[in-house]
Amino acid sequence: MNQLAHVRFGGRLARTAALMAALLIPGAVFAQSSPFQTGANSLVTFAQTIGTPIAALVIIGLAIAAAVGKVSWGWVIGALVGIAAIFGAPTIVSWIRTLFGV
C-alpha cells in the first residue's frame, strides 16, 4: 500500500469513527437521568422526611391555640391547605405536566 492510499484509508476511517460517535453519543446522553431531576427528587424526599413531623407539630399547636381562642380557625385551615400543597407538590406537578402534554 503506498503512502497516498494509506492517508486516504486513515481519513476515511477517521470520518467513519466520527460519524459513529455522532450517532451513538446522543443515545448514551439521553439514557442518563438529568442531574437537575436527581437533585430535585432528592430535595423533595428530604423536605418530606423533615417536614412530616414538623407539619404535625404545627397543626397540633395551631389547633390548641385556636381551641383556646388565641388564633382564628382560619389559620388552622390555611396551614392545612398549605401543608397539603407542599406534600402534594409532586402529584400536582405531574398533573400539570400531563395537562399540558409535557
Protein backbone atom coordinates (compact mmCIF):
# COMPACT_ATOMS: atom_id res chain seq x y z
CA MET A 1 0.00 0.00 0.00
CA ASN A 2 1.54 3.29 -0.96
CA GLN A 3 1.64 6.38 1.22
CA LEU A 4 -1.27 8.17 -0.51
CA ALA A 5 -3.60 5.17 -0.19
CA HIS A 6 -2.70 4.87 3.49
CA VAL A 7 -3.63 8.52 4.11
CA ARG A 8 -6.95 8.10 2.29
CA PHE A 9 -7.78 5.00 4.33
CA GLY A 10 -6.87 6.78 7.57
CA GLY A 11 -9.04 9.76 6.65
CA ARG A 12 -11.96 7.51 5.76
CA LEU A 13 -11.53 5.60 8.99
CA ALA A 14 -11.49 8.83 10.99
CA ARG A 15 -14.66 10.09 9.25
CA THR A 16 -16.40 6.78 9.86
CA ALA A 17 -15.40 6.81 13.54
CA ALA A 18 -16.60 10.41 13.91
CA LEU A 19 -19.91 9.54 12.24
CA MET A 20 -20.43 6.53 14.50
CA ALA A 21 -19.61 8.61 17.58
CA ALA A 22 -22.04 11.31 16.49
CA LEU A 23 -24.77 8.72 16.06
CA LEU A 24 -24.16 6.82 19.29
CA ILE A 25 -23.32 9.56 21.80
CA PRO A 26 -26.79 11.21 21.88
CA GLY A 27 -28.34 7.86 22.80
CA ALA A 28 -25.93 7.50 25.69
CA VAL A 29 -26.61 11.04 26.84
CA PHE A 30 -30.39 10.64 26.76
CA ALA A 31 -30.15 7.31 28.58
CA GLN A 32 -28.91 9.08 31.70
CA SER A 33 -31.20 10.96 34.00
CA SER A 34 -30.81 14.70 34.34
CA PRO A 35 -28.69 15.93 37.27
CA PHE A 36 -31.40 18.53 37.91
CA GLN A 37 -34.05 15.81 38.07
CA THR A 38 -31.96 13.77 40.50
CA GLY A 39 -31.30 16.80 42.71
CA ALA A 40 -34.93 17.88 42.65
CA ASN A 41 -36.11 14.40 43.62
CA SER A 42 -33.60 14.31 46.49
CA LEU A 43 -34.74 17.72 47.70
CA VAL A 44 -38.41 16.72 47.65
CA THR A 45 -37.67 13.47 49.50
CA PHE A 46 -35.62 15.33 52.10
CA ALA A 47 -38.27 18.03 52.57
CA GLN A 48 -41.00 15.43 53.05
CA THR A 49 -38.91 13.47 55.54
CA ILE A 50 -38.13 16.53 57.65
CA GLY A 51 -41.47 18.25 57.05
CA THR A 52 -43.77 15.47 58.21
CA PRO A 53 -43.11 15.70 61.96
CA ILE A 54 -42.82 19.50 61.77
CA ALA A 55 -46.18 19.76 59.99
CA ALA A 56 -47.82 17.53 62.58
CA LEU A 57 -46.49 19.69 65.41
CA VAL A 58 -47.59 22.90 63.68
CA ILE A 59 -51.12 21.60 63.16
CA ILE A 60 -51.34 20.40 66.77
CA GLY A 61 -50.06 23.74 68.07
CA LEU A 62 -52.41 25.77 65.87
CA ALA A 63 -55.40 23.61 66.79
CA ILE A 64 -54.70 24.01 70.50
CA ALA A 65 -54.20 27.77 70.05
CA ALA A 66 -57.46 28.03 68.10
CA ALA A 67 -59.32 25.95 70.67
CA VAL A 68 -58.34 28.32 73.48
CA GLY A 69 -59.09 31.36 71.34
CA LYS A 70 -55.57 32.67 70.70
CA VAL A 71 -55.74 32.37 66.88
CA SER A 72 -58.61 32.06 64.46
CA TRP A 73 -59.59 28.74 62.91
CA GLY A 74 -58.75 30.30 59.54
CA TRP A 75 -55.07 29.95 60.43
CA VAL A 76 -55.55 26.25 61.10
CA ILE A 77 -57.38 25.74 57.80
CA GLY A 78 -54.78 27.81 55.95
CA ALA A 79 -51.97 25.75 57.45
CA LEU A 80 -53.75 22.52 56.47
CA VAL A 81 -54.16 23.72 52.88
CA GLY A 82 -50.53 24.86 52.74
CA ILE A 83 -49.23 21.58 54.09
CA ALA A 84 -51.40 19.64 51.65
CA ALA A 85 -49.97 21.74 48.80
CA ILE A 86 -46.39 21.15 49.96
CA PHE A 87 -46.74 17.40 50.33
CA GLY A 88 -48.90 17.11 47.22
CA ALA A 89 -46.48 19.13 45.08
CA PRO A 90 -45.05 16.15 43.12
CA THR A 91 -48.57 14.97 42.28
CA ILE A 92 -49.68 18.49 41.35
CA VAL A 93 -46.64 19.00 39.11
CA SER A 94 -47.16 15.67 37.33
CA TRP A 95 -50.84 16.52 36.85
CA ILE A 96 -49.97 19.90 35.31
CA ARG A 97 -47.31 18.32 33.07
CA THR A 98 -49.89 15.79 31.81
CA LEU A 99 -52.41 18.57 31.31
CA PHE A 100 -50.01 20.45 29.01
CA GLY A 101 -48.62 17.30 27.39
CA VAL A 102 -45.04 17.75 28.60
